[in-house]
Amino acid sequence: MVESTTTVRHDVTVDFGCIELTGALVHDNENRLLEPEIADGPAEPISISLQTYGFTPEPGNVFIKDWSEHCGLTARLVQAGLVTPVQTLTVGPYFSTAYEVQVTL
């Protein structure tokens, strides 16, 4: 029997600052993916890949950017008890901040 690497928490509201999405929050540990699922289906993923910069999150963790539309998102997810910060990273030509977080669904 193959063990699932996906965890789902239902009835979660994710506050993006300018919009709130309510539905399920899905963590696919194998693919290091965290994304909301709303009535219309999957929404834009919360997590990002930083493989271009040579970073891979530890098992159970994902990366979340803290720029553009995701500015402040990590702090709001921490406050909601959905993630725990692990480390802060600076990436890209603009020295942007990203966080590695442990998903605590």
C-alpha atoms as a PDB file:
ATOM      1  CA  MET A   1       0.000   0.000   0.000  1.00  0.00           C
ATOM      2  CA  VAL A   2       1.344   3.418  -1.017  1.00  0.00           C
ATOM      3  CA  GLU A   3       1.177   6.099   1.670  1.00  0.00           C
ATOM      4  CA  SER A   4      -0.386   9.389   0.569  1.00  0.00           C
ATOM      5  CA  THR A   5       1.845  12.440   0.608  1.00  0.00           C
ATOM      6  CA  THR A   6      -1.118  14.827   0.424  1.00  0.00           C
ATOM      7  CA  THR A   7      -2.720  16.521   3.427  1.00  0.00           C
ATOM      8  CA  VAL A   8      -5.961  18.480   3.187  1.00  0.00           C
ATOM      9  CA  ARG A   9      -7.527  20.856   5.685  1.00  0.00           C
ATOM     10  CA  HIS A  10     -11.099  21.861   4.910  1.00  0.00           C
ATOM     11  CA  ASP A  11     -12.941  25.091   5.762  1.00  0.00           C
ATOM     12  CA  VAL A  12      -9.833  27.273   5.710  1.00  0.00           C
ATOM     13  CA  THR A  13      -9.791  30.959   4.844  1.00  0.00           C
ATOM     14  CA  VAL A  14      -6.552  32.199   3.336  1.00  0.00           C
ATOM     15  CA  ASP A  15      -6.084  35.961   3.584  1.00  0.00           C
ATOM     16  CA  PHE A  16      -4.048  37.292   0.660  1.00  0.00           C
ATOM     17  CA  GLY A  17      -4.378  40.864   1.928  1.00  0.00           C
ATOM     18  CA  CYS A  18      -6.593  42.107  -0.888  1.00  0.00           C
ATOM     19  CA  ILE A  19      -8.777  38.994  -1.150  1.00  0.00           C
ATOM     20  CA  GLU A  20      -9.764  36.061   1.063  1.00  0.00           C
ATOM     21  CA  LEU A  21     -10.321  32.573  -0.336  1.00  0.00           C
ATOM     22  CA  THR A  22     -12.283  29.990   1.632  1.00  0.00           C
ATOM     23  CA  GLY A  23     -12.197  26.291   0.893  1.00  0.00           C
ATOM     24  CA  ALA A  24      -9.662  23.523   1.392  1.00  0.00           C
ATOM     25  CA  LEU A  25      -5.916  23.988   1.737  1.00  0.00           C
ATOM     26  CA  VAL A  26      -3.990  21.164   0.088  1.00  0.00           C
ATOM     27  CA  HIS A  27      -0.365  20.267   0.838  1.00  0.00           C
ATOM     28  CA  ASP A  28       1.265  17.863  -1.614  1.00  0.00           C
ATOM     29  CA  ASN A  29       4.472  16.992   0.221  1.00  0.00           C
ATOM     30  CA  GLU A  30       5.949  14.955  -2.621  1.00  0.00           C
ATOM     31  CA  ASN A  31       5.796  17.936  -4.998  1.00  0.00           C
ATOM     32  CA  ARG A  32       6.356  20.571  -2.267  1.00  0.00           C
ATOM     33  CA  LEU A  33       3.087  22.278  -3.235  1.00  0.00           C
ATOM     34  CA  LEU A  34       0.627  24.250  -1.106  1.00  0.00           C
ATOM     35  CA  GLU A  35      -2.539  25.441  -2.809  1.00  0.00           C
ATOM     36  CA  PRO A  36      -6.083  26.435  -1.942  1.00  0.00           C
ATOM     37  CA  GLU A  37      -9.019  24.624  -3.507  1.00  0.00           C
ATOM     38  CA  ILE A  38     -12.190  26.667  -3.733  1.00  0.00           C
ATOM     39  CA  ALA A  39     -15.622  25.850  -5.167  1.00  0.00           C
ATOM     40  CA  ASP A  40     -14.360  26.544  -8.694  1.00  0.00           C
ATOM     41  CA  GLY A  41     -11.396  24.152  -8.273  1.00  0.00           C
ATOM     42  CA  PRO A  42      -7.713  24.734  -7.513  1.00  0.00           C
ATOM     43  CA  ALA A  43      -6.601  28.343  -7.203  1.00  0.00           C
ATOM     44  CA  GLU A  44      -3.120  29.712  -7.872  1.00  0.00           C
ATOM     45  CA  PRO A  45      -0.578  27.856  -5.710  1.00  0.00           C
ATOM     46  CA  ILE A  46       0.651  29.584  -2.572  1.00  0.00           C
ATOM     47  CA  SER A  47       4.039  27.880  -2.749  1.00  0.00           C
ATOM     48  CA  ILE A  48       6.765  28.514  -5.301  1.00  0.00           C
ATOM     49  CA  SER A  49       9.766  26.623  -6.597  1.00  0.00           C
ATOM     50  CA  LEU A  50      13.194  28.091  -5.946  1.00  0.00           C
ATOM     51  CA  GLN A  51      15.112  25.357  -7.782  1.00  0.00           C
ATOM     52  CA  THR A  52      16.380  28.001 -10.216  1.00  0.00           C
ATOM     53  CA  TYR A  53      18.312  29.449  -7.276  1.00  0.00           C
ATOM     54  CA  GLY A  54      19.503  26.057  -6.039  1.00  0.00           C
ATOM     55  CA  PHE A  55      17.039  25.726  -3.138  1.00  0.00           C
ATOM     56  CA  THR A  56      14.841  22.708  -2.341  1.00  0.00           C
ATOM     57  CA  PRO A  57      12.586  22.731   0.725  1.00  0.00           C
ATOM     58  CA  GLU A  58      12.942  19.990   3.316  1.00  0.00           C
ATOM     59  CA  PRO A  59      10.220  17.307   3.471  1.00  0.00           C
ATOM     60  CA  GLY A  60       7.045  18.777   4.974  1.00  0.00           C
ATOM     61  CA  ASN A  61       8.096  22.278   3.927  1.00  0.00           C
ATOM     62  CA  VAL A  62       7.370  24.662   1.051  1.00  0.00           C
ATOM     63  CA  PHE A  63       8.665  28.035  -0.093  1.00  0.00           C
ATOM     64  CA  ILE A  64       6.422  31.117  -0.097  1.00  0.00           C
ATOM     65  CA  LYS A  65       7.441  34.348  -1.797  1.00  0.00           C
ATOM     66  CA  ASP A  66       7.010  37.639   0.033  1.00  0.00           C
ATOM     67  CA  TRP A  67       6.734  39.999  -2.909  1.00  0.00           C
ATOM     68  CA  SER A  68       4.067  41.183  -5.313  1.00  0.00           C
ATOM     69  CA  GLU A  69       0.623  39.723  -4.581  1.00  0.00           C
ATOM     70  CA  HIS A  70       2.045  37.498  -1.804  1.00  0.00           C
ATOM     71  CA  CYS A  71       3.525  40.332   0.259  1.00  0.00           C
ATOM     72  CA  GLY A  72       2.750  39.569   3.921  1.00  0.00           C
ATOM     73  CA  LEU A  73       1.104  36.227   3.099  1.00  0.00           C
ATOM     74  CA  THR A  74       3.553  34.137   5.138  1.00  0.00           C
ATOM     75  CA  ALA A  75       2.891  36.213   8.261  1.00  0.00           C
ATOM     76  CA  ARG A  76      -0.864  35.788   7.822  1.00  0.00           C
ATOM     77  CA  LEU A  77      -0.495  32.010   7.334  1.00  0.00           C
ATOM     78  CA  VAL A  78       1.649  31.815  10.491  1.00  0.00           C
ATOM     79  CA  GLN A  79      -0.949  33.818  12.437  1.00  0.00           C
ATOM     80  CA  ALA A  80      -3.664  31.427  11.211  1.00  0.00           C
ATOM     81  CA  GLY A  81      -1.605  28.444  12.444  1.00  0.00           C
ATOM     82  CA  LEU A  82      -1.235  26.925   8.977  1.00  0.00           C
ATOM     83  CA  VAL A  83       2.564  27.149   8.681  1.00  0.00           C
ATOM     84  CA  THR A  84       5.625  27.602  10.887  1.00  0.00           C
ATOM     85  CA  PRO A  85       8.596  29.647   9.606  1.00  0.00           C
ATOM     86  CA  VAL A  86      11.842  27.713   9.140  1.00  0.00           C
ATOM     87  CA  GLN A  87      14.170  30.146   7.365  1.00  0.00           C
ATOM     88  CA  THR A  88      14.262  33.386   5.391  1.00  0.00           C
ATOM     89  CA  LEU A  89      15.891  33.419   1.964  1.00  0.00           C
ATOM     90  CA  THR A  90      16.945  36.251  -0.340  1.00  0.00           C
ATOM     91  CA  VAL A  91      16.631  35.399  -4.034  1.00  0.00           C
ATOM     92  CA  GLY A  92      16.814  36.877  -7.486  1.00  0.00           C
ATOM     93  CA  PRO A  93      18.267  40.012  -9.003  1.00  0.00           C
ATOM     94  CA  TYR A  94      16.092  42.229  -6.799  1.00  0.00           C
ATOM     95  CA  PHE A  95      17.120  40.451  -3.576  1.00  0.00           C
ATOM     96  CA  SER A  96      13.515  39.426  -2.903  1.00  0.00           C
ATOM     97  CA  THR A  97      12.482  37.686   0.304  1.00  0.00           C
ATOM     98  CA  ALA A  98      11.060  34.171   0.365  1.00  0.00           C
ATOM     99  CA  TYR A  99      10.368  31.934   3.335  1.00  0.00           C
ATOM    100  CA  GLU A 100      10.767  28.231   3.861  1.00  0.00           C
ATOM    101  CA  VAL A 101       7.882  27.148   6.073  1.00  0.00           C
ATOM    102  CA  GLN A 102       6.780  23.886   7.621  1.00  0.00           C
ATOM    103  CA  VAL A 103       3.175  23.137   6.696  1.00  0.00           C
ATOM    104  CA  THR A 104       1.141  22.442   9.859  1.00  0.00           C
ATOM    105  CA  LEU A 105      -2.312  21.569   8.508  1.00  0.00           C
END
